[in-house]
Amino acid sequence: MKYPLRYRAGTPMVFTVLVALFLYISVLQGTAAPSDETEFLERRMTMVKNQIMERGVRDPSVLRSMMSVPRHKFVPARYIPAAYDDNPLPIGHGQTISQPYIVAYMTEILTLNKKSKVLEVGTGSGYQAAVLSPIVGHVYTIEIIPELATSAALRLKELGYHNVTVATGDGYYGWSQHAPYDAIIVTAAGGHIPPPLLGQLKNNGSMVIPVGGAFLIQNLVLLNKDKYGSVTTRNLMPVRFVPLTGRHD
């Protein structure tokens, strides 16, 4: 699904930021990085510029993370050539890895920081958790499909995302053991906003969730809970996500 560009100003600054990020990550990887990894880094730079920055995402921490996370390591081998394309991709078990722009947008809209404790519902391959990892204090992510949860946990550990904890379970009910959360991000569409998740959100916290049926219009919804616990909601944009599954269905 395509979305309109939100900002187009500041192109020279965009290139300056991208080049700086490119050089920074290149130094971290070492000057003798394999040519294929250099190619993937260049593709990430193009992805960040064309798919993310030109659509209005500006948070430096989000841009750095999108530049650094190797999306090609979170997709099945046959989809690696399309890993940095502007669309979701299948990851097995009827699930998908989200479009890069949507991952960046949902991350930015929560206004996270290094002290944030975040709950993600719908781990999938672990890509969204990996993007969150350098930005926040800790990510707790829950996946209902055991095979995906197990493979994501191993992948995240191998890639060095040590502040991510993965569990197998029904995300509709959240993860009360570690609640309350500063932010909650849901990467599957529910027919309504799950009350258990809202209950596990801190006062002054935010939650982003796609709401709508599998074959109906879905809206990405932002919920903000104020210091008194009152909740306001705002529709952000039309989206298409896989359905949230579990006992509540």
C-alpha atoms as a PDB file:
ATOM      1  CA  MET A   1       0.000   0.000   0.000  1.00  0.00           C
ATOM      2  CA  LYS A   2       1.357   3.408  -0.964  1.00  0.00           C
ATOM      3  CA  TYR A   3       1.068   6.485   1.219  1.00  0.00           C
ATOM      4  CA  PRO A   4       1.389  10.153   0.233  1.00  0.00           C
ATOM      5  CA  LEU A   5       4.675  11.914   0.854  1.00  0.00           C
ATOM      6  CA  ARG A   6       4.329  14.170   3.880  1.00  0.00           C
ATOM      7  CA  TYR A   7       7.387  16.396   3.511  1.00  0.00           C
ATOM      8  CA  ARG A   8       9.755  17.103   0.629  1.00  0.00           C
ATOM      9  CA  ALA A   9      11.721  20.076   1.959  1.00  0.00           C
ATOM     10  CA  GLY A  10      15.277  19.911   3.192  1.00  0.00           C
ATOM     11  CA  THR A  11      16.707  17.553   0.568  1.00  0.00           C
ATOM     12  CA  PRO A  12      20.365  18.639   1.103  1.00  0.00           C
ATOM     13  CA  MET A  13      20.019  17.971   4.815  1.00  0.00           C
ATOM     14  CA  VAL A  14      18.526  14.548   4.043  1.00  0.00           C
ATOM     15  CA  PHE A  15      21.580  13.567   2.006  1.00  0.00           C
ATOM     16  CA  THR A  16      23.944  14.913   4.680  1.00  0.00           C
ATOM     17  CA  VAL A  17      22.259  12.865   7.399  1.00  0.00           C
ATOM     18  CA  LEU A  18      22.212   9.740   5.248  1.00  0.00           C
ATOM     19  CA  VAL A  19      25.872  10.011   4.291  1.00  0.00           C
ATOM     20  CA  ALA A  20      26.831  10.530   7.952  1.00  0.00           C
ATOM     21  CA  LEU A  21      24.808   7.466   8.959  1.00  0.00           C
ATOM     22  CA  PHE A  22      26.331   5.443   6.152  1.00  0.00           C
ATOM     23  CA  LEU A  23      29.892   6.343   7.190  1.00  0.00           C
ATOM     24  CA  TYR A  24      29.140   5.743  10.874  1.00  0.00           C
ATOM     25  CA  ILE A  25      27.796   2.250  10.293  1.00  0.00           C
ATOM     26  CA  SER A  26      30.591   1.463   7.830  1.00  0.00           C
ATOM     27  CA  VAL A  27      33.145   2.270  10.527  1.00  0.00           C
ATOM     28  CA  LEU A  28      31.334   0.027  12.987  1.00  0.00           C
ATOM     29  CA  GLN A  29      31.367  -2.832  10.478  1.00  0.00           C
ATOM     30  CA  GLY A  30      35.021  -2.288   9.555  1.00  0.00           C
ATOM     31  CA  THR A  31      36.591  -1.133   6.334  1.00  0.00           C
ATOM     32  CA  ALA A  32      37.017  -4.724   5.165  1.00  0.00           C
ATOM     33  CA  ALA A  33      33.286  -5.525   5.260  1.00  0.00           C
ATOM     34  CA  PRO A  34      32.227  -8.136   2.655  1.00  0.00           C
ATOM     35  CA  SER A  35      30.920  -6.666  -0.587  1.00  0.00           C
ATOM     36  CA  ASP A  36      27.458  -8.158  -0.107  1.00  0.00           C
ATOM     37  CA  GLU A  37      27.100  -6.473   3.303  1.00  0.00           C
ATOM     38  CA  THR A  38      28.236  -3.186   1.766  1.00  0.00           C
ATOM     39  CA  GLU A  39      25.567  -3.623  -0.895  1.00  0.00           C
ATOM     40  CA  PHE A  40      22.914  -4.276   1.764  1.00  0.00           C
ATOM     41  CA  LEU A  41      24.030  -1.146   3.637  1.00  0.00           C
ATOM     42  CA  GLU A  42      23.686   0.902   0.461  1.00  0.00           C
ATOM     43  CA  ARG A  43      20.217  -0.531  -0.076  1.00  0.00           C
ATOM     44  CA  ARG A  44      19.261   0.415   3.480  1.00  0.00           C
ATOM     45  CA  MET A  45      20.452   3.951   2.837  1.00  0.00           C
ATOM     46  CA  THR A  46      18.229   4.108  -0.254  1.00  0.00           C
ATOM     47  CA  MET A  47      15.347   2.606   1.725  1.00  0.00           C
ATOM     48  CA  VAL A  48      15.685   5.193   4.495  1.00  0.00           C
ATOM     49  CA  LYS A  49      15.884   8.093   2.056  1.00  0.00           C
ATOM     50  CA  ASN A  50      13.159   7.113  -0.420  1.00  0.00           C
ATOM     51  CA  GLN A  51      10.701   5.160   1.699  1.00  0.00           C
ATOM     52  CA  ILE A  52      11.040   6.730   5.134  1.00  0.00           C
ATOM     53  CA  MET A  53      12.552  10.226   5.215  1.00  0.00           C
ATOM     54  CA  GLU A  54      10.664  11.441   2.161  1.00  0.00           C
ATOM     55  CA  ARG A  55       7.415  10.356   3.842  1.00  0.00           C
ATOM     56  CA  GLY A  56       8.150  12.548   6.834  1.00  0.00           C
ATOM     57  CA  VAL A  57       9.861  10.385   9.456  1.00  0.00           C
ATOM     58  CA  ARG A  58      12.478  12.635  11.083  1.00  0.00           C
ATOM     59  CA  ASP A  59      13.364  11.178  14.500  1.00  0.00           C
ATOM     60  CA  PRO A  60      17.185  10.689  14.359  1.00  0.00           C
ATOM     61  CA  SER A  61      17.087   7.630  16.621  1.00  0.00           C
ATOM     62  CA  VAL A  62      14.520   5.943  14.383  1.00  0.00           C
ATOM     63  CA  LEU A  63      16.498   6.756  11.231  1.00  0.00           C
ATOM     64  CA  ARG A  64      19.726   5.431  12.777  1.00  0.00           C
ATOM     65  CA  SER A  65      18.008   2.213  13.790  1.00  0.00           C
ATOM     66  CA  MET A  66      16.376   1.688  10.398  1.00  0.00           C
ATOM     67  CA  MET A  67      19.815   2.215   8.833  1.00  0.00           C
ATOM     68  CA  SER A  68      21.563  -0.227  11.142  1.00  0.00           C
ATOM     69  CA  VAL A  69      19.127  -3.167  11.372  1.00  0.00           C
ATOM     70  CA  PRO A  70      19.828  -5.752   8.624  1.00  0.00           C
ATOM     71  CA  ARG A  71      16.281  -6.392   7.385  1.00  0.00           C
ATOM     72  CA  HIS A  72      17.557  -9.082   4.995  1.00  0.00           C
ATOM     73  CA  LYS A  73      18.341 -11.245   8.030  1.00  0.00           C
ATOM     74  CA  PHE A  74      14.717 -11.165   9.167  1.00  0.00           C
ATOM     75  CA  VAL A  75      13.155 -12.615   5.997  1.00  0.00           C
ATOM     76  CA  PRO A  76      13.236 -16.139   4.521  1.00  0.00           C
ATOM     77  CA  ALA A  77      16.175 -16.773   2.183  1.00  0.00           C
ATOM     78  CA  ARG A  78      14.074 -16.670  -0.981  1.00  0.00           C
ATOM     79  CA  TYR A  79      12.920 -13.114  -0.144  1.00  0.00           C
ATOM     80  CA  ILE A  80      16.360 -11.647   0.598  1.00  0.00           C
ATOM     81  CA  PRO A  81      16.552  -9.922  -2.815  1.00  0.00           C
ATOM     82  CA  ALA A  82      13.322  -8.057  -1.927  1.00  0.00           C
ATOM     83  CA  ALA A  83      14.234  -7.364   1.708  1.00  0.00           C
ATOM     84  CA  TYR A  84      14.520  -3.582   1.247  1.00  0.00           C
ATOM     85  CA  ASP A  85      11.563  -3.134  -1.093  1.00  0.00           C
ATOM     86  CA  ASP A  86       8.636  -0.887  -0.189  1.00  0.00           C
ATOM     87  CA  ASN A  87       6.247  -3.647   0.867  1.00  0.00           C
ATOM     88  CA  PRO A  88       5.614  -6.355   3.467  1.00  0.00           C
ATOM     89  CA  LEU A  89       6.964  -9.860   2.862  1.00  0.00           C
ATOM     90  CA  PRO A  90       5.804 -13.341   3.950  1.00  0.00           C
ATOM     91  CA  ILE A  91       7.722 -14.954   6.802  1.00  0.00           C
ATOM     92  CA  GLY A  92       5.751 -18.201   7.035  1.00  0.00           C
ATOM     93  CA  HIS A  93       2.778 -19.386   9.099  1.00  0.00           C
ATOM     94  CA  GLY A  94       0.549 -16.855   7.338  1.00  0.00           C
ATOM     95  CA  GLN A  95       2.471 -13.925   8.846  1.00  0.00           C
ATOM     96  CA  THR A  96       4.421 -11.041   7.314  1.00  0.00           C
ATOM     97  CA  ILE A  97       7.254  -8.649   8.064  1.00  0.00           C
ATOM     98  CA  SER A  98       5.813  -5.133   7.846  1.00  0.00           C
ATOM     99  CA  GLN A  99       6.605  -2.522   5.200  1.00  0.00           C
ATOM    100  CA  PRO A 100       9.722  -0.553   6.279  1.00  0.00           C
ATOM    101  CA  TYR A 101       7.915   2.792   6.322  1.00  0.00           C
ATOM    102  CA  ILE A 102       5.176   1.442   8.585  1.00  0.00           C
ATOM    103  CA  VAL A 103       7.782   0.057  11.006  1.00  0.00           C
ATOM    104  CA  ALA A 104       9.534   3.434  11.138  1.00  0.00           C
ATOM    105  CA  TYR A 105       6.302   5.429  11.403  1.00  0.00           C
ATOM    106  CA  MET A 106       4.852   3.293  14.213  1.00  0.00           C
ATOM    107  CA  THR A 107       8.144   3.535  16.091  1.00  0.00           C
ATOM    108  CA  GLU A 108       8.403   7.309  15.728  1.00  0.00           C
ATOM    109  CA  ILE A 109       4.784   8.021  16.692  1.00  0.00           C
ATOM    110  CA  LEU A 110       5.371   6.552  20.169  1.00  0.00           C
ATOM    111  CA  THR A 111       8.091   9.153  20.992  1.00  0.00           C
ATOM    112  CA  LEU A 112      10.368   6.665  22.737  1.00  0.00           C
ATOM    113  CA  ASN A 113      13.626   7.159  24.624  1.00  0.00           C
ATOM    114  CA  LYS A 114      16.346   5.170  26.370  1.00  0.00           C
ATOM    115  CA  LYS A 115      14.224   4.815  29.508  1.00  0.00           C
ATOM    116  CA  SER A 116      11.171   3.430  27.706  1.00  0.00           C
ATOM    117  CA  LYS A 117       9.891  -0.060  28.491  1.00  0.00           C
ATOM    118  CA  VAL A 118       7.954  -1.303  25.484  1.00  0.00           C
ATOM    119  CA  LEU A 119       5.595  -4.216  24.879  1.00  0.00           C
ATOM    120  CA  GLU A 120       5.320  -5.488  21.315  1.00  0.00           C
ATOM    121  CA  VAL A 121       2.413  -7.764  20.400  1.00  0.00           C
ATOM    122  CA  GLY A 122       3.253  -9.911  17.388  1.00  0.00           C
ATOM    123  CA  THR A 123       6.995 -10.649  17.292  1.00  0.00           C
ATOM    124  CA  GLY A 124       6.946 -12.271  13.854  1.00  0.00           C
ATOM    125  CA  SER A 125      10.527 -12.556  12.640  1.00  0.00           C
ATOM    126  CA  GLY A 126      11.741 -10.051  15.259  1.00  0.00           C
ATOM    127  CA  TYR A 127      12.349  -7.091  12.936  1.00  0.00           C
ATOM    128  CA  GLN A 128      10.206  -4.526  14.763  1.00  0.00           C
ATOM    129  CA  ALA A 129      11.784  -5.554  18.073  1.00  0.00           C
ATOM    130  CA  ALA A 130      15.236  -5.150  16.539  1.00  0.00           C
ATOM    131  CA  VAL A 131      14.374  -1.630  15.365  1.00  0.00           C
ATOM    132  CA  LEU A 132      13.101  -0.746  18.844  1.00  0.00           C
ATOM    133  CA  SER A 133      16.123  -2.238  20.628  1.00  0.00           C
ATOM    134  CA  PRO A 134      18.698   0.596  20.164  1.00  0.00           C
ATOM    135  CA  ILE A 135      16.081   3.258  20.919  1.00  0.00           C
ATOM    136  CA  VAL A 136      14.582   2.048  24.216  1.00  0.00           C
ATOM    137  CA  GLY A 137      15.548   0.548  27.546  1.00  0.00           C
ATOM    138  CA  HIS A 138      13.909  -2.856  27.075  1.00  0.00           C
ATOM    139  CA  VAL A 139      11.537  -4.566  24.665  1.00  0.00           C
ATOM    140  CA  TYR A 140       9.181  -7.329  25.765  1.00  0.00           C
ATOM    141  CA  THR A 141       7.697  -9.038  22.726  1.00  0.00           C
ATOM    142  CA  ILE A 142       5.099 -11.788  22.591  1.00  0.00           C
ATOM    143  CA  GLU A 143       4.255 -14.109  19.700  1.00  0.00           C
ATOM    144  CA  ILE A 144       1.386 -16.607  19.545  1.00  0.00           C
ATOM    145  CA  ILE A 145       3.064 -18.944  17.023  1.00  0.00           C
ATOM    146  CA  PRO A 146       5.710 -20.972  18.894  1.00  0.00           C
ATOM    147  CA  GLU A 147       7.924 -21.592  15.855  1.00  0.00           C
ATOM    148  CA  LEU A 148       8.143 -17.870  15.094  1.00  0.00           C
ATOM    149  CA  ALA A 149       8.786 -16.972  18.737  1.00  0.00           C
ATOM    150  CA  THR A 150      11.614 -19.510  18.994  1.00  0.00           C
ATOM    151  CA  SER A 151      13.303 -18.492  15.737  1.00  0.00           C
ATOM    152  CA  ALA A 152      12.934 -14.765  16.491  1.00  0.00           C
ATOM    153  CA  ALA A 153      14.454 -15.163  19.962  1.00  0.00           C
ATOM    154  CA  LEU A 154      17.459 -17.019  18.502  1.00  0.00           C
ATOM    155  CA  ARG A 155      17.872 -14.496  15.664  1.00  0.00           C
ATOM    156  CA  LEU A 156      17.734 -11.486  17.978  1.00  0.00           C
ATOM    157  CA  LYS A 157      20.261 -13.056  20.338  1.00  0.00           C
ATOM    158  CA  GLU A 158      22.658 -13.940  17.519  1.00  0.00           C
ATOM    159  CA  LEU A 159      22.467 -10.399  16.137  1.00  0.00           C
ATOM    160  CA  GLY A 160      23.220  -8.850  19.523  1.00  0.00           C
ATOM    161  CA  TYR A 161      19.854  -7.355  20.522  1.00  0.00           C
ATOM    162  CA  HIS A 162      20.262  -8.242  24.185  1.00  0.00           C
ATOM    163  CA  ASN A 163      17.612  -5.911  25.599  1.00  0.00           C
ATOM    164  CA  VAL A 164      14.797  -7.861  23.910  1.00  0.00           C
ATOM    165  CA  THR A 165      12.874 -10.600  25.733  1.00  0.00           C
ATOM    166  CA  VAL A 166      10.674 -12.915  23.664  1.00  0.00           C
ATOM    167  CA  ALA A 167       7.811 -15.068  24.903  1.00  0.00           C
ATOM    168  CA  THR A 168       5.265 -17.393  23.324  1.00  0.00           C
ATOM    169  CA  GLY A 169       1.712 -16.448  24.227  1.00  0.00           C
ATOM    170  CA  ASP A 170      -1.563 -14.807  23.306  1.00  0.00           C
ATOM    171  CA  GLY A 171      -0.713 -11.137  22.846  1.00  0.00           C
ATOM    172  CA  TYR A 172      -4.329 -10.049  23.217  1.00  0.00           C
ATOM    173  CA  TYR A 173      -3.827 -10.442  26.966  1.00  0.00           C
ATOM    174  CA  GLY A 174      -0.481  -8.669  26.993  1.00  0.00           C
ATOM    175  CA  TRP A 175       2.321  -9.618  29.357  1.00  0.00           C
ATOM    176  CA  SER A 176       1.204  -8.588  32.833  1.00  0.00           C
ATOM    177  CA  GLN A 177       4.387  -9.828  34.525  1.00  0.00           C
ATOM    178  CA  HIS A 178       6.346  -6.827  33.233  1.00  0.00           C
ATOM    179  CA  ALA A 179       3.543  -4.238  33.165  1.00  0.00           C
ATOM    180  CA  PRO A 180       3.010  -1.339  33.180  1.00  0.00           C
ATOM    181  CA  TYR A 181       4.623  -0.263  29.904  1.00  0.00           C
ATOM    182  CA  ASP A 182       5.586   3.179  28.682  1.00  0.00           C
ATOM    183  CA  ALA A 183       4.474   2.167  25.205  1.00  0.00           C
ATOM    184  CA  ILE A 184       2.740  -0.726  23.464  1.00  0.00           C
ATOM    185  CA  ILE A 185       3.036  -1.501  19.765  1.00  0.00           C
ATOM    186  CA  VAL A 186       0.688  -4.029  18.170  1.00  0.00           C
ATOM    187  CA  THR A 187       1.659  -5.439  14.784  1.00  0.00           C
ATOM    188  CA  ALA A 188      -1.545  -7.350  13.993  1.00  0.00           C
ATOM    189  CA  ALA A 189      -5.058  -6.011  13.490  1.00  0.00           C
ATOM    190  CA  GLY A 190      -7.769  -6.556  16.080  1.00  0.00           C
ATOM    191  CA  GLY A 191     -11.475  -5.952  15.679  1.00  0.00           C
ATOM    192  CA  HIS A 192     -11.274  -3.749  18.765  1.00  0.00           C
ATOM    193  CA  ILE A 193      -8.693  -2.418  21.208  1.00  0.00           C
ATOM    194  CA  PRO A 194      -7.858  -5.209  23.702  1.00  0.00           C
ATOM    195  CA  PRO A 195      -8.791  -4.067  27.234  1.00  0.00           C
ATOM    196  CA  PRO A 196      -5.905  -6.040  28.834  1.00  0.00           C
ATOM    197  CA  LEU A 197      -3.388  -4.064  26.777  1.00  0.00           C
ATOM    198  CA  LEU A 198      -4.952  -0.767  27.707  1.00  0.00           C
ATOM    199  CA  GLY A 199      -4.813  -1.811  31.356  1.00  0.00           C
ATOM    200  CA  GLN A 200      -1.092  -2.577  31.086  1.00  0.00           C
ATOM    201  CA  LEU A 201      -0.260   0.838  29.608  1.00  0.00           C
ATOM    202  CA  LYS A 202       1.236   3.381  32.010  1.00  0.00           C
ATOM    203  CA  ASN A 203      -0.352   6.730  32.648  1.00  0.00           C
ATOM    204  CA  ASN A 204       1.292   9.170  30.205  1.00  0.00           C
ATOM    205  CA  GLY A 205       1.925   6.184  27.918  1.00  0.00           C
ATOM    206  CA  SER A 206       1.032   5.568  24.275  1.00  0.00           C
ATOM    207  CA  MET A 207      -0.143   2.588  22.252  1.00  0.00           C
ATOM    208  CA  VAL A 208      -0.311   2.179  18.484  1.00  0.00           C
ATOM    209  CA  ILE A 209      -2.482  -0.571  17.017  1.00  0.00           C
ATOM    210  CA  PRO A 210      -4.190  -1.402  13.713  1.00  0.00           C
ATOM    211  CA  VAL A 211      -7.934  -1.824  14.258  1.00  0.00           C
ATOM    212  CA  GLY A 212     -10.291  -3.539  11.823  1.00  0.00           C
ATOM    213  CA  GLY A 213     -11.181  -6.911  10.357  1.00  0.00           C
ATOM    214  CA  ALA A 214      -8.957  -9.032   8.125  1.00  0.00           C
ATOM    215  CA  PHE A 215     -11.013  -8.257   5.009  1.00  0.00           C
ATOM    216  CA  LEU A 216     -12.300  -4.838   6.063  1.00  0.00           C
ATOM    217  CA  ILE A 217     -10.807  -1.364   6.245  1.00  0.00           C
ATOM    218  CA  GLN A 218      -8.200  -1.171   8.984  1.00  0.00           C
ATOM    219  CA  ASN A 219      -7.058   2.037  10.641  1.00  0.00           C
ATOM    220  CA  LEU A 220      -3.819   2.602  12.478  1.00  0.00           C
ATOM    221  CA  VAL A 221      -4.892   4.052  15.825  1.00  0.00           C
ATOM    222  CA  LEU A 222      -2.821   5.958  18.376  1.00  0.00           C
ATOM    223  CA  LEU A 223      -3.988   5.868  21.985  1.00  0.00           C
ATOM    224  CA  ASN A 224      -2.618   8.255  24.600  1.00  0.00           C
ATOM    225  CA  LYS A 225      -3.272   7.767  28.308  1.00  0.00           C
ATOM    226  CA  ASP A 226      -2.897  10.949  30.359  1.00  0.00           C
ATOM    227  CA  LYS A 227      -1.551  11.265  33.892  1.00  0.00           C
ATOM    228  CA  TYR A 228      -5.019  10.570  35.296  1.00  0.00           C
ATOM    229  CA  GLY A 229      -5.583   7.448  33.209  1.00  0.00           C
ATOM    230  CA  SER A 230      -7.990   8.998  30.719  1.00  0.00           C
ATOM    231  CA  VAL A 231      -7.543   7.747  27.153  1.00  0.00           C
ATOM    232  CA  THR A 232      -7.798   9.628  23.871  1.00  0.00           C
ATOM    233  CA  THR A 233      -7.620   7.997  20.435  1.00  0.00           C
ATOM    234  CA  ARG A 234      -6.639   9.257  17.006  1.00  0.00           C
ATOM    235  CA  ASN A 235      -6.901   7.568  13.621  1.00  0.00           C
ATOM    236  CA  LEU A 236      -3.590   7.912  11.779  1.00  0.00           C
ATOM    237  CA  MET A 237      -3.936   6.220   8.385  1.00  0.00           C
ATOM    238  CA  PRO A 238      -5.468   3.239   6.549  1.00  0.00           C
ATOM    239  CA  VAL A 239      -3.329   0.093   6.768  1.00  0.00           C
ATOM    240  CA  ARG A 240      -3.415  -3.626   6.077  1.00  0.00           C
ATOM    241  CA  PHE A 241      -2.121  -6.060   8.698  1.00  0.00           C
ATOM    242  CA  VAL A 242      -2.557  -9.753   9.358  1.00  0.00           C
ATOM    243  CA  PRO A 243      -5.294 -10.432  11.976  1.00  0.00           C
ATOM    244  CA  LEU A 244      -4.638 -10.650  15.693  1.00  0.00           C
ATOM    245  CA  THR A 245      -5.377 -14.252  16.641  1.00  0.00           C
ATOM    246  CA  GLY A 246      -5.963 -16.013  19.929  1.00  0.00           C
ATOM    247  CA  ARG A 247      -8.631 -17.248  22.329  1.00  0.00           C
ATOM    248  CA  HIS A 248     -10.547 -13.959  22.116  1.00  0.00           C
ATOM    249  CA  ASP A 249     -11.473 -14.822  18.491  1.00  0.00           C
END
